């Protein structure tokens, strides 16, 4: 089962990424263009950070959680 949700505006990005690291399953960021970044991957994390700092990609994309139990870790960051 997958859960999809949008990130809230004005989140603390580093705190969010620390929460993602605690998740047991994959946490993906999917852009409106259909690209997916696995935020458990360091390379994808760097791409996400660079994109988040330069435009409003965070508000337009979706977070996909592979393991529903992981919502406990990131629920304060999503709508």
PDB file of N, CA and C in Angstrom:
ATOM      1  N   UNK A   1       0.842  -1.179   0.000  1.00  0.00           N
ATOM      2  CA  UNK A   1       0.000   0.000   0.000  1.00  0.00           C
ATOM      3  C   UNK A   1       0.888   1.242   0.000  1.00  0.00           C
ATOM      4  N   UNK A   2       0.539   2.196  -0.830  1.00  0.00           N
ATOM      5  CA  UNK A   2       1.289   3.437  -0.911  1.00  0.00           C
ATOM      6  C   UNK A   2       0.405   4.590  -0.458  1.00  0.00           C
ATOM      7  N   UNK A   3       1.002   5.542   0.223  1.00  0.00           N
ATOM      8  CA  UNK A   3       0.300   6.750   0.629  1.00  0.00           C
ATOM      9  C   UNK A   3       0.917   7.928  -0.113  1.00  0.00           C
ATOM     10  N   UNK A   4       0.086   8.804  -0.659  1.00  0.00           N
ATOM     11  CA  UNK A   4       0.568   9.992  -1.360  1.00  0.00           C
ATOM     12  C   UNK A   4       0.057  11.230  -0.644  1.00  0.00           C
ATOM     13  N   UNK A   5       0.904  12.223  -0.547  1.00  0.00           N
ATOM     14  CA  UNK A   5       0.510  13.484   0.059  1.00  0.00           C
ATOM     15  C   UNK A   5       1.478  14.575  -0.377  1.00  0.00           C
ATOM     16  N   UNK A   6       1.079  15.814  -0.204  1.00  0.00           N
ATOM     17  CA  UNK A   6       1.927  16.965  -0.519  1.00  0.00           C
ATOM     18  C   UNK A   6       2.635  17.441   0.729  1.00  0.00           C
ATOM     19  N   UNK A   7       3.813  17.991   0.545  1.00  0.00           N
ATOM     20  CA  UNK A   7       4.520  18.600   1.664  1.00  0.00           C
ATOM     21  C   UNK A   7       3.878  19.933   2.015  1.00  0.00           C
ATOM     22  N   UNK A   8       3.893  20.265   3.281  1.00  0.00           N
ATOM     23  CA  UNK A   8       3.409  21.569   3.716  1.00  0.00           C
ATOM     24  C   UNK A   8       4.395  22.640   3.268  1.00  0.00           C
ATOM     25  N   UNK A   9       3.930  23.859   3.179  1.00  0.00           N
ATOM     26  CA  UNK A   9       4.822  24.967   2.867  1.00  0.00           C
ATOM     27  C   UNK A   9       5.662  25.325   4.090  1.00  0.00           C
ATOM     28  N   UNK A  10       6.832  25.852   3.860  1.00  0.00           N
ATOM     29  CA  UNK A  10       7.721  26.339   4.925  1.00  0.00           C
ATOM     30  C   UNK A  10       8.104  25.271   5.941  1.00  0.00           C
ATOM     31  N   UNK A  11       8.443  24.079   5.473  1.00  0.00           N
ATOM     32  CA  UNK A  11       8.924  23.050   6.391  1.00  0.00           C
ATOM     33  C   UNK A  11      10.417  23.219   6.584  1.00  0.00           C
ATOM     34  N   UNK A  12      10.931  22.665   7.649  1.00  0.00           N
ATOM     35  CA  UNK A  12      12.367  22.613   7.894  1.00  0.00           C
ATOM     36  C   UNK A  12      12.899  21.409   7.112  1.00  0.00           C
ATOM     37  N   UNK A  13      13.564  21.660   6.003  1.00  0.00           N
ATOM     38  CA  UNK A  13      13.948  20.596   5.077  1.00  0.00           C
ATOM     39  C   UNK A  13      14.887  19.576   5.723  1.00  0.00           C
ATOM     40  N   UNK A  14      15.862  20.033   6.466  1.00  0.00           N
ATOM     41  CA  UNK A  14      16.807  19.098   7.087  1.00  0.00           C
ATOM     42  C   UNK A  14      16.110  18.216   8.127  1.00  0.00           C
ATOM     43  N   UNK A  15      15.182  18.775   8.860  1.00  0.00           N
ATOM     44  CA  UNK A  15      14.405  17.998   9.835  1.00  0.00           C
ATOM     45  C   UNK A  15      13.559  16.943   9.105  1.00  0.00           C
ATOM     46  N   UNK A  16      12.973  17.340   7.979  1.00  0.00           N
ATOM     47  CA  UNK A  16      12.197  16.402   7.170  1.00  0.00           C
ATOM     48  C   UNK A  16      13.079  15.249   6.690  1.00  0.00           C
ATOM     49  N   UNK A  17      14.264  15.558   6.178  1.00  0.00           N
ATOM     50  CA  UNK A  17      15.150  14.513   5.676  1.00  0.00           C
ATOM     51  C   UNK A  17      15.648  13.594   6.790  1.00  0.00           C
ATOM     52  N   UNK A  18      15.816  14.113   7.982  1.00  0.00           N
ATOM     53  CA  UNK A  18      16.172  13.270   9.127  1.00  0.00           C
ATOM     54  C   UNK A  18      15.029  12.307   9.445  1.00  0.00           C
ATOM     55  N   UNK A  19      13.792  12.783   9.348  1.00  0.00           N
ATOM     56  CA  UNK A  19      12.629  11.925   9.568  1.00  0.00           C
ATOM     57  C   UNK A  19      12.560  10.837   8.497  1.00  0.00           C
ATOM     58  N   UNK A  20      12.882  11.191   7.260  1.00  0.00           N
ATOM     59  CA  UNK A  20      12.881  10.215   6.164  1.00  0.00           C
ATOM     60  C   UNK A  20      13.887   9.107   6.454  1.00  0.00           C
ATOM     61  N   UNK A  21      15.031   9.447   7.003  1.00  0.00           N
ATOM     62  CA  UNK A  21      16.060   8.440   7.312  1.00  0.00           C
ATOM     63  C   UNK A  21      15.567   7.422   8.332  1.00  0.00           C
ATOM     64  N   UNK A  22      14.654   7.819   9.204  1.00  0.00           N
ATOM     65  CA  UNK A  22      14.118   6.903  10.218  1.00  0.00           C
ATOM     66  C   UNK A  22      13.061   5.953   9.644  1.00  0.00           C
ATOM     67  N   UNK A  23      12.560   6.255   8.474  1.00  0.00           N
ATOM     68  CA  UNK A  23      11.521   5.427   7.862  1.00  0.00           C
ATOM     69  C   UNK A  23      12.093   4.068   7.455  1.00  0.00           C
ATOM     70  N   UNK A  24      11.276   3.024   7.579  1.00  0.00           N
ATOM     71  CA  UNK A  24      11.706   1.676   7.224  1.00  0.00           C
ATOM     72  C   UNK A  24      11.584   1.410   5.724  1.00  0.00           C
ATOM     73  N   UNK A  25      10.546   1.963   5.100  1.00  0.00           N
ATOM     74  CA  UNK A  25      10.332   1.780   3.669  1.00  0.00           C
ATOM     75  C   UNK A  25      10.853   2.967   2.880  1.00  0.00           C
ATOM     76  N   UNK A  26      10.720   2.873   1.581  1.00  0.00           N
ATOM     77  CA  UNK A  26      11.144   3.971   0.719  1.00  0.00           C
ATOM     78  C   UNK A  26      10.191   5.150   0.831  1.00  0.00           C
ATOM     79  N   UNK A  27      10.759   6.333   0.729  1.00  0.00           N
ATOM     80  CA  UNK A  27       9.996   7.575   0.685  1.00  0.00           C
ATOM     81  C   UNK A  27      10.412   8.273  -0.603  1.00  0.00           C
ATOM     82  N   UNK A  28       9.453   8.472  -1.486  1.00  0.00           N
ATOM     83  CA  UNK A  28       9.735   9.051  -2.793  1.00  0.00           C
ATOM     84  C   UNK A  28       9.166  10.454  -2.888  1.00  0.00           C
ATOM     85  N   UNK A  29       9.867  11.307  -3.624  1.00  0.00           N
ATOM     86  CA  UNK A  29       9.336  12.620  -3.980  1.00  0.00           C
ATOM     87  C   UNK A  29       9.075  12.569  -5.469  1.00  0.00           C
ATOM     88  N   UNK A  30       7.814  12.782  -5.865  1.00  0.00           N
ATOM     89  CA  UNK A  30       7.453  12.740  -7.275  1.00  0.00           C
ATOM     90  C   UNK A  30       7.090  14.141  -7.743  1.00  0.00           C
ATOM     91  N   UNK A  31       7.769  14.577  -8.803  1.00  0.00           N
ATOM     92  CA  UNK A  31       7.520  15.910  -9.352  1.00  0.00           C
ATOM     93  C   UNK A  31       6.271  15.885 -10.223  1.00  0.00           C
ATOM     94  N   UNK A  32       5.794  17.058 -10.586  1.00  0.00           N
ATOM     95  CA  UNK A  32       4.630  17.149 -11.466  1.00  0.00           C
ATOM     96  C   UNK A  32       4.948  16.620 -12.864  1.00  0.00           C
ATOM     97  N   UNK A  33       6.224  16.557 -13.220  1.00  0.00           N
ATOM     98  CA  UNK A  33       6.634  16.023 -14.513  1.00  0.00           C
ATOM     99  C   UNK A  33       6.716  14.500 -14.502  1.00  0.00           C
ATOM    100  N   UNK A  34       6.539  13.883 -13.325  1.00  0.00           N
ATOM    101  CA  UNK A  34       6.570  12.432 -13.215  1.00  0.00           C
ATOM    102  C   UNK A  34       7.895  11.848 -12.774  1.00  0.00           C
ATOM    103  N   UNK A  35       8.895  12.688 -12.525  1.00  0.00           N
ATOM    104  CA  UNK A  35      10.188  12.201 -12.037  1.00  0.00           C
ATOM    105  C   UNK A  35      10.054  11.815 -10.569  1.00  0.00           C
ATOM    106  N   UNK A  36      10.729  10.742 -10.164  1.00  0.00           N
ATOM    107  CA  UNK A  36      10.689  10.298  -8.776  1.00  0.00           C
ATOM    108  C   UNK A  36      12.092  10.284  -8.187  1.00  0.00           C
ATOM    109  N   UNK A  37      12.204  10.805  -6.991  1.00  0.00           N
ATOM    110  CA  UNK A  37      13.459  10.774  -6.248  1.00  0.00           C
ATOM    111  C   UNK A  37      13.250   9.941  -4.991  1.00  0.00           C
ATOM    112  N   UNK A  38      14.061   8.905  -4.814  1.00  0.00           N
ATOM    113  CA  UNK A  38      13.999   8.120  -3.596  1.00  0.00           C
ATOM    114  C   UNK A  38      14.799   8.879  -2.541  1.00  0.00           C
ATOM    115  N   UNK A  39      14.110   9.471  -1.583  1.00  0.00           N
ATOM    116  CA  UNK A  39      14.773  10.335  -0.594  1.00  0.00           C
ATOM    117  C   UNK A  39      15.620   9.563   0.404  1.00  0.00           C
ATOM    118  N   UNK A  40      15.627   8.230   0.321  1.00  0.00           N
ATOM    119  CA  UNK A  40      16.516   7.437   1.159  1.00  0.00           C
ATOM    120  C   UNK A  40      17.894   7.301   0.498  1.00  0.00           C
ATOM    121  N   UNK A  41      18.001   7.726  -0.744  1.00  0.00           N
ATOM    122  CA  UNK A  41      19.263   7.711  -1.488  1.00  0.00           C
ATOM    123  C   UNK A  41      19.961   9.057  -1.286  1.00  0.00           C
ATOM    124  N   UNK A  42      21.257   9.033  -0.993  1.00  0.00           N
ATOM    125  CA  UNK A  42      21.981  10.281  -0.776  1.00  0.00           C
ATOM    126  C   UNK A  42      22.023  11.135  -2.035  1.00  0.00           C
ATOM    127  N   UNK A  43      22.203  10.525  -3.187  1.00  0.00           N
ATOM    128  CA  UNK A  43      22.236  11.288  -4.425  1.00  0.00           C
ATOM    129  C   UNK A  43      20.885  11.986  -4.659  1.00  0.00           C
ATOM    130  N   UNK A  44      19.797  11.263  -4.490  1.00  0.00           N
ATOM    131  CA  UNK A  44      18.465  11.860  -4.652  1.00  0.00           C
ATOM    132  C   UNK A  44      18.217  12.942  -3.604  1.00  0.00           C
ATOM    133  N   UNK A  45      18.728  12.734  -2.406  1.00  0.00           N
ATOM    134  CA  UNK A  45      18.592  13.735  -1.346  1.00  0.00           C
ATOM    135  C   UNK A  45      19.283  15.039  -1.755  1.00  0.00           C
ATOM    136  N   UNK A  46      20.464  14.953  -2.330  1.00  0.00           N
ATOM    137  CA  UNK A  46      21.186  16.153  -2.786  1.00  0.00           C
ATOM    138  C   UNK A  46      20.430  16.864  -3.903  1.00  0.00           C
ATOM    139  N   UNK A  47      19.891  16.082  -4.832  1.00  0.00           N
ATOM    140  CA  UNK A  47      19.109  16.676  -5.927  1.00  0.00           C
ATOM    141  C   UNK A  47      17.872  17.371  -5.372  1.00  0.00           C
ATOM    142  N   UNK A  48      17.195  16.721  -4.429  1.00  0.00           N
ATOM    143  CA  UNK A  48      16.015  17.304  -3.789  1.00  0.00           C
ATOM    144  C   UNK A  48      16.370  18.614  -3.092  1.00  0.00           C
ATOM    145  N   UNK A  49      17.463  18.615  -2.350  1.00  0.00           N
ATOM    146  CA  UNK A  49      17.894  19.829  -1.639  1.00  0.00           C
ATOM    147  C   UNK A  49      18.221  20.952  -2.618  1.00  0.00           C
ATOM    148  N   UNK A  50      18.954  20.646  -3.654  1.00  0.00           N
ATOM    149  CA  UNK A  50      19.315  21.676  -4.632  1.00  0.00           C
ATOM    150  C   UNK A  50      18.069  22.235  -5.307  1.00  0.00           C
ATOM    151  N   UNK A  51      17.139  21.391  -5.644  1.00  0.00           N
ATOM    152  CA  UNK A  51      15.903  21.842  -6.288  1.00  0.00           C
ATOM    153  C   UNK A  51      15.046  22.649  -5.326  1.00  0.00           C
ATOM    154  N   UNK A  52      15.000  22.230  -4.092  1.00  0.00           N
ATOM    155  CA  UNK A  52      14.172  22.916  -3.097  1.00  0.00           C
ATOM    156  C   UNK A  52      14.690  24.320  -2.816  1.00  0.00           C
ATOM    157  N   UNK A  53      15.982  24.514  -2.924  1.00  0.00           N
ATOM    158  CA  UNK A  53      16.562  25.818  -2.639  1.00  0.00           C
ATOM    159  C   UNK A  53      16.427  26.805  -3.795  1.00  0.00           C
ATOM    160  N   UNK A  54      16.181  26.296  -4.985  1.00  0.00           N
ATOM    161  CA  UNK A  54      16.158  27.185  -6.137  1.00  0.00           C
ATOM    162  C   UNK A  54      14.769  27.474  -6.699  1.00  0.00           C
ATOM    163  N   UNK A  55      13.766  26.684  -6.351  1.00  0.00           N
ATOM    164  CA  UNK A  55      12.417  26.951  -6.856  1.00  0.00           C
ATOM    165  C   UNK A  55      11.355  26.350  -5.937  1.00  0.00           C
ATOM    166  N   UNK A  56      10.120  26.404  -6.364  1.00  0.00           N
ATOM    167  CA  UNK A  56       9.018  25.949  -5.519  1.00  0.00           C
ATOM    168  C   UNK A  56       8.638  24.495  -5.778  1.00  0.00           C
ATOM    169  N   UNK A  57       9.621  23.666  -6.080  1.00  0.00           N
ATOM    170  CA  UNK A  57       9.377  22.260  -6.392  1.00  0.00           C
ATOM    171  C   UNK A  57       8.682  21.532  -5.235  1.00  0.00           C
ATOM    172  N   UNK A  58       8.965  21.917  -4.022  1.00  0.00           N
ATOM    173  CA  UNK A  58       8.407  21.220  -2.862  1.00  0.00           C
ATOM    174  C   UNK A  58       6.881  21.310  -2.837  1.00  0.00           C
ATOM    175  N   UNK A  59       6.338  22.488  -3.094  1.00  0.00           N
ATOM    176  CA  UNK A  59       4.891  22.656  -3.025  1.00  0.00           C
ATOM    177  C   UNK A  59       4.167  21.967  -4.181  1.00  0.00           C
ATOM    178  N   UNK A  60       4.862  21.730  -5.280  1.00  0.00           N
ATOM    179  CA  UNK A  60       4.201  21.143  -6.448  1.00  0.00           C
ATOM    180  C   UNK A  60       4.287  19.627  -6.507  1.00  0.00           C
ATOM    181  N   UNK A  61       5.226  19.019  -5.815  1.00  0.00           N
ATOM    182  CA  UNK A  61       5.407  17.570  -5.898  1.00  0.00           C
ATOM    183  C   UNK A  61       4.645  16.824  -4.819  1.00  0.00           C
ATOM    184  N   UNK A  62       4.718  15.498  -4.898  1.00  0.00           N
ATOM    185  CA  UNK A  62       4.050  14.635  -3.932  1.00  0.00           C
ATOM    186  C   UNK A  62       5.068  13.751  -3.227  1.00  0.00           C
ATOM    187  N   UNK A  63       4.759  13.441  -1.973  1.00  0.00           N
ATOM    188  CA  UNK A  63       5.537  12.470  -1.218  1.00  0.00           C
ATOM    189  C   UNK A  63       4.790  11.145  -1.280  1.00  0.00           C
ATOM    190  N   UNK A  64       5.498  10.085  -1.626  1.00  0.00           N
ATOM    191  CA  UNK A  64       4.914   8.748  -1.681  1.00  0.00           C
ATOM    192  C   UNK A  64       5.617   7.898  -0.630  1.00  0.00           C
ATOM    193  N   UNK A  65       4.833   7.326   0.257  1.00  0.00           N
ATOM    194  CA  UNK A  65       5.363   6.515   1.348  1.00  0.00           C
ATOM    195  C   UNK A  65       5.031   5.058   1.057  1.00  0.00           C
ATOM    196  N   UNK A  66       6.042   4.222   0.949  1.00  0.00           N
ATOM    197  CA  UNK A  66       5.843   2.806   0.649  1.00  0.00           C
ATOM    198  C   UNK A  66       5.269   2.047   1.843  1.00  0.00           C
ATOM    199  N   UNK A  67       5.728   2.374   3.040  1.00  0.00           N
ATOM    200  CA  UNK A  67       5.298   1.678   4.257  1.00  0.00           C
ATOM    201  C   UNK A  67       4.372   2.603   5.049  1.00  0.00           C
ATOM    202  N   UNK A  68       3.076   2.275   5.154  1.00  0.00           N
ATOM    203  CA  UNK A  68       2.134   3.155   5.862  1.00  0.00           C
ATOM    204  C   UNK A  68       2.545   3.474   7.305  1.00  0.00           C
ATOM    205  N   UNK A  69       3.282   2.585   7.953  1.00  0.00           N
ATOM    206  CA  UNK A  69       3.718   2.833   9.326  1.00  0.00           C
ATOM    207  C   UNK A  69       4.694   4.010   9.407  1.00  0.00           C
ATOM    208  N   UNK A  70       5.349   4.324   8.302  1.00  0.00           N
ATOM    209  CA  UNK A  70       6.313   5.422   8.275  1.00  0.00           C
ATOM    210  C   UNK A  70       5.651   6.792   8.332  1.00  0.00           C
ATOM    211  N   UNK A  71       4.345   6.848   8.132  1.00  0.00           N
ATOM    212  CA  UNK A  71       3.629   8.122   8.217  1.00  0.00           C
ATOM    213  C   UNK A  71       3.820   8.758   9.593  1.00  0.00           C
ATOM    214  N   UNK A  72       4.004   7.934  10.614  1.00  0.00           N
ATOM    215  CA  UNK A  72       4.244   8.457  11.966  1.00  0.00           C
ATOM    216  C   UNK A  72       5.463   9.371  12.009  1.00  0.00           C
ATOM    217  N   UNK A  73       6.468   9.071  11.197  1.00  0.00           N
ATOM    218  CA  UNK A  73       7.702   9.864  11.191  1.00  0.00           C
ATOM    219  C   UNK A  73       7.562  11.187  10.442  1.00  0.00           C
ATOM    220  N   UNK A  74       6.751  11.201   9.395  1.00  0.00           N
ATOM    221  CA  UNK A  74       6.712  12.399   8.548  1.00  0.00           C
ATOM    222  C   UNK A  74       5.355  13.087   8.499  1.00  0.00           C
ATOM    223  N   UNK A  75       4.409  12.652   9.320  1.00  0.00           N
ATOM    224  CA  UNK A  75       3.067  13.230   9.247  1.00  0.00           C
ATOM    225  C   UNK A  75       3.034  14.730   9.514  1.00  0.00           C
ATOM    226  N   UNK A  76       3.942  15.241  10.319  1.00  0.00           N
ATOM    227  CA  UNK A  76       3.916  16.686  10.598  1.00  0.00           C
ATOM    228  C   UNK A  76       4.423  17.528   9.418  1.00  0.00           C
ATOM    229  N   UNK A  77       4.989  16.870   8.396  1.00  0.00           N
ATOM    230  CA  UNK A  77       5.529  17.573   7.235  1.00  0.00           C
ATOM    231  C   UNK A  77       4.585  17.574   6.035  1.00  0.00           C
ATOM    232  N   UNK A  78       3.523  16.754   6.087  1.00  0.00           N
ATOM    233  CA  UNK A  78       2.622  16.614   4.941  1.00  0.00           C
ATOM    234  C   UNK A  78       1.232  17.126   5.275  1.00  0.00           C
ATOM    235  N   UNK A  79       0.504  17.515   4.217  1.00  0.00           N
ATOM    236  CA  UNK A  79      -0.867  17.980   4.375  1.00  0.00           C
ATOM    237  C   UNK A  79      -1.814  16.821   4.538  1.00  0.00           C
TER     238      UNK A  79
END
